[in-house]
Protein backbone atom coordinates (compact mmCIF):
# COMPACT_ATOMS: atom_id res chain seq x y z
CA UNK A 1 0.19 0.04 0.07
CA UNK A 2 2.89 2.14 0.84
CA UNK A 3 4.50 1.70 -2.48
CA UNK A 4 0.88 2.20 -4.29
CA UNK A 5 0.57 6.05 -2.71
CA UNK A 6 3.86 6.40 -3.64
CA UNK A 7 3.28 5.72 -6.94
CA UNK A 8 -0.05 8.04 -7.10
CA UNK A 9 2.30 10.50 -5.49
CA UNK A 10 4.23 10.60 -8.76
CA UNK A 11 1.43 10.34 -11.16
CA UNK A 12 2.79 6.94 -11.47
CA UNK A 13 -1.62 5.21 -11.84
CA UNK A 14 -1.39 2.02 -13.43
CA UNK A 15 1.78 1.15 -10.93
CA UNK A 16 0.04 1.82 -7.82
CA UNK A 17 -3.50 -0.36 -9.32
CA UNK A 18 -0.64 -2.95 -9.66
CA UNK A 19 0.16 -2.22 -5.99
CA UNK A 20 -2.52 -2.01 -4.24
CA UNK A 21 -3.94 -4.81 -6.14
CA UNK A 22 -1.13 -7.04 -4.58
CA UNK A 23 -1.88 -5.86 -1.50
CA UNK A 24 -6.09 -6.96 -1.42
CA UNK A 25 -3.92 -9.84 -2.18
CA UNK A 26 -1.98 -10.62 0.47
CA UNK A 27 -5.09 -9.08 2.93
CA UNK A 28 -6.75 -12.82 2.33
CA UNK A 29 -3.77 -14.62 3.69
CA UNK A 30 -4.16 -11.97 7.11
CA UNK A 31 -6.70 -13.50 10.03
CA UNK A 32 -10.35 -11.76 9.44
CA UNK A 33 -10.12 -8.87 11.79
CA UNK A 34 -12.01 -5.17 12.32
CA UNK A 35 -8.21 -4.22 11.61
CA UNK A 36 -8.22 -6.08 8.29
CA UNK A 37 -11.27 -5.06 7.38
CA UNK A 38 -10.38 -1.48 7.60
CA UNK A 39 -7.05 -1.47 5.89
CA UNK A 40 -9.71 -3.71 3.11
CA UNK A 41 -12.07 -0.81 2.98
CA UNK A 42 -8.77 1.91 2.70
CA UNK A 43 -7.05 0.15 -0.03
CA UNK A 44 -10.64 -0.19 -2.31
CA UNK A 45 -10.58 3.75 -1.69
CA UNK A 46 -7.24 3.87 -2.43
CA UNK A 47 -7.03 1.80 -5.66
CA UNK A 48 -10.63 3.98 -6.77
CA UNK A 49 -8.40 7.37 -6.59
CA UNK A 50 -5.79 5.59 -9.21
CA UNK A 51 -8.66 4.97 -11.04
CA UNK A 52 -10.56 7.75 -11.36
CA UNK A 53 -7.42 8.64 -13.45
CA UNK A 54 -8.35 6.95 -16.28
CA UNK A 55 -11.93 7.04 -16.38
CA UNK A 56 -12.80 3.79 -15.43
CA UNK A 57 -15.42 4.07 -13.16
CA UNK A 58 -17.79 0.37 -13.63
CA UNK A 59 -14.77 -0.69 -12.02
CA UNK A 60 -14.24 2.08 -9.49
CA UNK A 61 -18.11 1.48 -8.61
CA UNK A 62 -17.59 -2.11 -7.70
CA UNK A 63 -14.91 -0.76 -5.20
CA UNK A 64 -17.39 1.85 -3.94
CA UNK A 65 -19.93 -0.25 -3.26
CA UNK A 66 -17.91 -3.46 -1.63
CA UNK A 67 -16.23 -0.84 0.97
CA UNK A 68 -19.82 0.71 1.17
CA UNK A 69 -20.37 -2.61 2.68
CA UNK A 70 -17.73 -3.39 4.84
CA UNK A 71 -18.11 0.59 6.58
CA UNK A 72 -21.69 -0.11 7.10
CA UNK A 73 -21.03 -3.11 8.77
CA UNK A 74 -18.61 -1.38 10.88
CA UNK A 75 -20.51 1.52 12.19
CA UNK A 76 -17.30 3.36 10.61
CA UNK A 77 -18.97 7.03 10.31
CA UNK A 78 -15.50 8.23 8.78
CA UNK A 79 -14.26 5.79 6.33
CA UNK A 80 -18.52 6.24 5.35
CA UNK A 81 -18.11 9.66 5.09
CA UNK A 82 -14.61 9.12 2.73
CA UNK A 83 -17.09 6.55 0.92
CA UNK A 84 -19.53 8.79 -0.14
CA UNK A 85 -17.31 11.30 -1.02
CA UNK A 86 -15.93 9.45 -3.34
CA UNK A 87 -19.79 8.36 -4.54
CA UNK A 88 -20.05 11.82 -5.30
CA UNK A 89 -17.31 12.18 -6.96
CA UNK A 90 -18.23 8.91 -8.83
CA UNK A 91 -21.43 9.83 -10.34
CA UNK A 92 -20.19 13.85 -11.27
CA UNK A 93 -17.84 12.09 -13.55
CA UNK A 94 -20.57 9.25 -14.42
CA UNK A 95 -22.88 12.60 -15.17
CA UNK A 96 -26.04 11.10 -12.44
CA UNK A 97 -25.92 15.29 -10.65
CA UNK A 98 -28.56 14.56 -8.88
CA UNK A 99 -26.79 11.67 -7.26
CA UNK A 100 -23.72 13.56 -6.82
CA UNK A 101 -25.14 16.10 -4.44
CA UNK A 102 -26.92 13.54 -2.58
CA UNK A 103 -23.60 11.71 -1.52
CA UNK A 104 -21.82 14.99 -1.35
CA UNK A 105 -24.06 16.15 1.31
CA UNK A 106 -24.21 12.75 2.58
CA UNK A 107 -20.07 12.84 3.62
CA UNK A 108 -20.88 16.46 4.67
CA UNK A 109 -23.07 15.01 6.83
CA UNK A 110 -20.82 12.44 8.36
CA UNK A 111 -17.39 14.57 7.80
CA UNK A 112 -19.44 16.97 10.96
CA UNK A 113 -20.03 13.88 12.60
CA UNK A 114 -17.23 12.25 12.73
CA UNK A 115 -14.84 15.19 12.46
CA UNK A 116 -13.10 14.86 9.44
CA UNK A 117 -11.88 18.07 7.86
CA UNK A 118 -10.17 16.21 4.72
CA UNK A 119 -13.49 14.41 4.19
CA UNK A 120 -15.58 17.93 4.17
CA UNK A 121 -12.97 19.79 1.78
CA UNK A 122 -13.45 17.02 -0.48
CA UNK A 123 -17.17 16.54 -0.68
CA UNK A 124 -17.78 19.80 -0.76
CA UNK A 125 -15.36 20.31 -3.92
CA UNK A 126 -17.17 17.36 -5.54
CA UNK A 127 -20.97 18.97 -4.63
CA UNK A 128 -19.20 21.50 -6.13
CA UNK A 129 -18.28 20.12 -9.56
CA UNK A 130 -21.88 18.92 -9.81
CA UNK A 131 -23.56 22.03 -9.39
CA UNK A 132 -21.18 23.14 -11.89
CA UNK A 133 -21.45 20.30 -14.13
CA UNK A 134 -25.84 21.50 -14.06
CA UNK A 135 -24.98 24.73 -14.53
CA UNK A 136 -25.51 26.21 -11.59
CA UNK A 137 -22.51 28.09 -11.04
CA UNK A 138 -23.57 30.91 -8.36
CA UNK A 139 -24.28 28.00 -6.12
CA UNK A 140 -20.94 26.00 -6.76
CA UNK A 141 -19.25 28.83 -6.61
CA UNK A 142 -20.29 29.61 -3.03
CA UNK A 143 -19.01 25.89 -2.17
CA UNK A 144 -15.50 27.13 -3.75
CA UNK A 145 -15.39 29.71 -2.34
CA UNK A 146 -15.65 28.00 1.42
CA UNK A 147 -13.12 26.12 0.22
CA UNK A 148 -10.16 28.63 -0.83
CA UNK A 149 -11.43 31.21 2.55
CA UNK A 150 -10.05 28.10 4.75
CA UNK A 151 -7.30 26.83 2.33
CA UNK A 152 -5.35 29.77 2.75
CA UNK A 153 -1.28 30.08 3.56
CA UNK A 154 -0.09 27.34 5.67
CA UNK A 155 -3.06 25.96 5.02
CA UNK A 156 -3.33 26.47 0.68
CA UNK A 157 -0.21 22.62 0.80
CA UNK A 158 -1.80 20.49 2.96
CA UNK A 159 -2.66 17.75 0.83
CA UNK A 160 -6.29 15.97 0.94
CA UNK A 161 -6.35 14.15 -1.70
CA UNK A 162 -3.43 11.92 -2.75
CA UNK A 163 -3.98 13.02 -6.50
CA UNK A 164 -3.77 16.56 -6.84
CA UNK A 165 -3.51 19.41 -4.20
CA UNK A 166 -7.49 20.74 -2.97
CA UNK A 167 -6.41 24.50 -2.53
CA UNK A 168 -5.56 24.65 -5.74
CA UNK A 169 -8.37 22.81 -7.55
CA UNK A 170 -10.57 25.17 -5.84
CA UNK A 171 -9.32 27.95 -6.79
CA UNK A 172 -9.09 26.57 -10.56
CA UNK A 173 -12.96 25.38 -10.63
CA UNK A 174 -13.32 28.90 -9.01
CA UNK A 175 -12.28 31.17 -11.79
CA UNK A 176 -13.79 28.77 -13.91
CA UNK A 177 -17.65 28.98 -12.58
CA UNK A 178 -16.32 33.21 -12.26
CA UNK A 179 -15.88 33.10 -16.40
CA UNK A 180 -19.68 31.35 -16.74
CA UNK A 181 -21.23 34.86 -15.37
CA UNK A 182 -18.92 37.03 -16.69
CA UNK A 183 -16.52 37.49 -13.72
CA UNK A 184 -14.08 38.36 -15.88
CA UNK A 185 -11.83 39.82 -13.63
CA UNK A 186 -11.63 37.78 -10.47
CA UNK A 187 -12.36 34.49 -12.80
CA UNK A 188 -8.55 35.93 -14.13
CA UNK A 189 -7.15 36.16 -10.31
CA UNK A 190 -8.47 33.08 -8.46
CA UNK A 191 -6.74 31.40 -11.97
CA UNK A 192 -3.40 32.78 -12.35
CA UNK A 193 -3.25 31.76 -8.61
CA UNK A 194 -4.62 28.17 -8.99
CA UNK A 195 -1.64 27.96 -11.17
CA UNK A 196 0.59 29.23 -9.51
CA UNK A 197 -0.55 27.23 -6.25
CA UNK A 198 -0.64 23.80 -9.27
CA UNK A 199 3.44 24.51 -9.33
CA UNK A 200 4.28 24.17 -6.14
CA UNK A 201 3.04 20.43 -5.70
CA UNK A 202 4.00 17.50 -7.57
CA UNK A 203 0.39 16.98 -9.29
CA UNK A 204 0.37 17.04 -13.20
CA UNK A 205 -2.66 16.14 -12.55
CA UNK A 206 -3.73 18.96 -10.37
CA UNK A 207 -1.62 21.62 -13.51
CA UNK A 208 -4.10 20.23 -16.02
CA UNK A 209 -7.09 21.79 -13.86
CA UNK A 210 -5.14 24.52 -13.29
CA UNK A 211 -4.87 25.18 -16.61
CA UNK A 212 -7.80 24.22 -17.77
CA UNK A 213 -9.65 27.20 -15.13
CA UNK A 214 -6.92 29.83 -16.20
CA UNK A 215 -7.39 29.40 -19.53
CA UNK A 216 -11.25 28.88 -20.11
CA UNK A 217 -11.06 32.24 -17.59
CA UNK A 218 -9.25 34.11 -20.46
CA UNK A 219 -11.07 32.60 -23.13
CA UNK A 220 -14.63 33.09 -21.78
CA UNK A 221 -13.23 37.54 -21.92
CA UNK A 222 -12.21 36.69 -25.08
CA UNK A 223 -8.23 36.78 -24.77
CA UNK A 224 -7.34 34.56 -26.84
CA UNK A 225 -3.73 34.88 -26.72
CA UNK A 226 -3.88 34.20 -22.43
CA UNK A 227 -5.92 31.56 -23.04
CA UNK A 228 -3.53 28.87 -26.34
CA UNK A 229 -0.49 28.89 -24.39
CA UNK A 230 -2.37 27.50 -20.94
CA UNK A 231 -4.42 25.15 -22.92
CA UNK A 232 -1.89 23.86 -24.27
CA UNK A 233 0.38 23.33 -22.06
CA UNK A 234 -2.64 21.81 -20.07
CA UNK A 235 -3.49 19.12 -23.99
CA UNK A 236 0.36 18.61 -22.95
CA UNK A 237 0.45 17.47 -19.78
CA UNK A 238 -2.70 15.77 -20.97
CA UNK A 239 -0.95 12.84 -23.62
CA UNK A 240 2.77 13.08 -21.77
CA UNK A 241 1.53 11.86 -18.16
CA UNK A 242 -1.71 9.73 -19.35
CA UNK A 243 -4.59 11.57 -18.20
CA UNK A 244 -7.37 10.83 -20.61
CA UNK A 245 -9.94 11.81 -17.82
CA UNK A 246 -9.43 15.72 -18.18
CA UNK A 247 -8.14 15.59 -21.92
CA UNK A 248 -11.90 16.64 -23.21
CA UNK A 249 -12.55 19.63 -21.67
CA UNK A 250 -9.12 21.53 -22.19
CA UNK A 251 -8.89 20.55 -25.65
CA UNK A 252 -12.28 21.23 -26.65
CA UNK A 253 -11.88 24.44 -24.96
CA UNK A 254 -8.54 24.76 -26.85
CA UNK A 255 -9.71 24.33 -30.04
CA UNK A 256 -12.62 26.90 -29.61
CA UNK A 257 -10.07 29.15 -28.88
CA UNK A 258 -8.09 27.78 -32.51
CA UNK A 259 -10.91 27.90 -34.23
CA UNK A 260 -12.02 31.89 -32.74
CA UNK A 261 -8.44 32.88 -33.79
CA UNK A 262 -9.13 31.78 -37.30
CA UNK A 263 -6.50 28.76 -36.45
CA UNK A 264 -9.60 25.84 -37.84
CA UNK A 265 -6.72 23.41 -39.43
CA UNK A 266 -5.82 22.86 -35.33
CA UNK A 267 -9.36 23.72 -33.97
CA UNK A 268 -10.75 20.72 -35.89
CA UNK A 269 -8.50 17.71 -34.61
CA UNK A 270 -8.77 18.27 -31.16
CA UNK A 271 -12.92 18.64 -31.29
CA UNK A 272 -12.84 15.30 -33.76
CA UNK A 273 -10.33 14.16 -31.14
């Protein structure tokens, strides 16, 4: 499990999944106890986090359901909160936004009960993502602002997510939300801060999201000369770091930026892809 966590830290997600699979296999040879069941739950959550980089949602859902069953038998509110937060992210990515909101609300309730700050911030972030996908940018902005308010100074360096920086992600998505409602000046400021924070952590995933937020803010404002280099960086990183999940968001924005700047021959292949 430690090797898998280290692999995630270096964005080696396939390698991480292999290590987690080996750890789960090893657990089968240990006596059944509360401790081994807790490790079984945690490993499923770890593996789901690694698999999300590739969008392997069916396998993620199976892992989360298995983890939920085990956590329920243990009456473990801390782990049930983490599972609900992960379920919220799964439902958002899978396009079931109402279920995503409900799962994140459950996660927030459980996090309040257990005092789990990590789950609280992640649930808030996933709920914001669901509201964004529903087009409710104002409500999404409010949720992202709540995270940003707390994740400042030294707290901004805390990693609540093995894959990425919650502080940087919240700023980047806040920029995207504000751009969608025409708040371009503030959106630009948050986008630039998101990139600045993303560059302080070893996480290509975080940088890709930051490029998406800052690039979209500039694109919506009509500043193509500023948007294109940032979005190009995001697309290159999606490809080099093998992060297909976020590629459609960044590549479609770059394709639009190319088209609006008259570079149709470059824009159309990205949009088709």
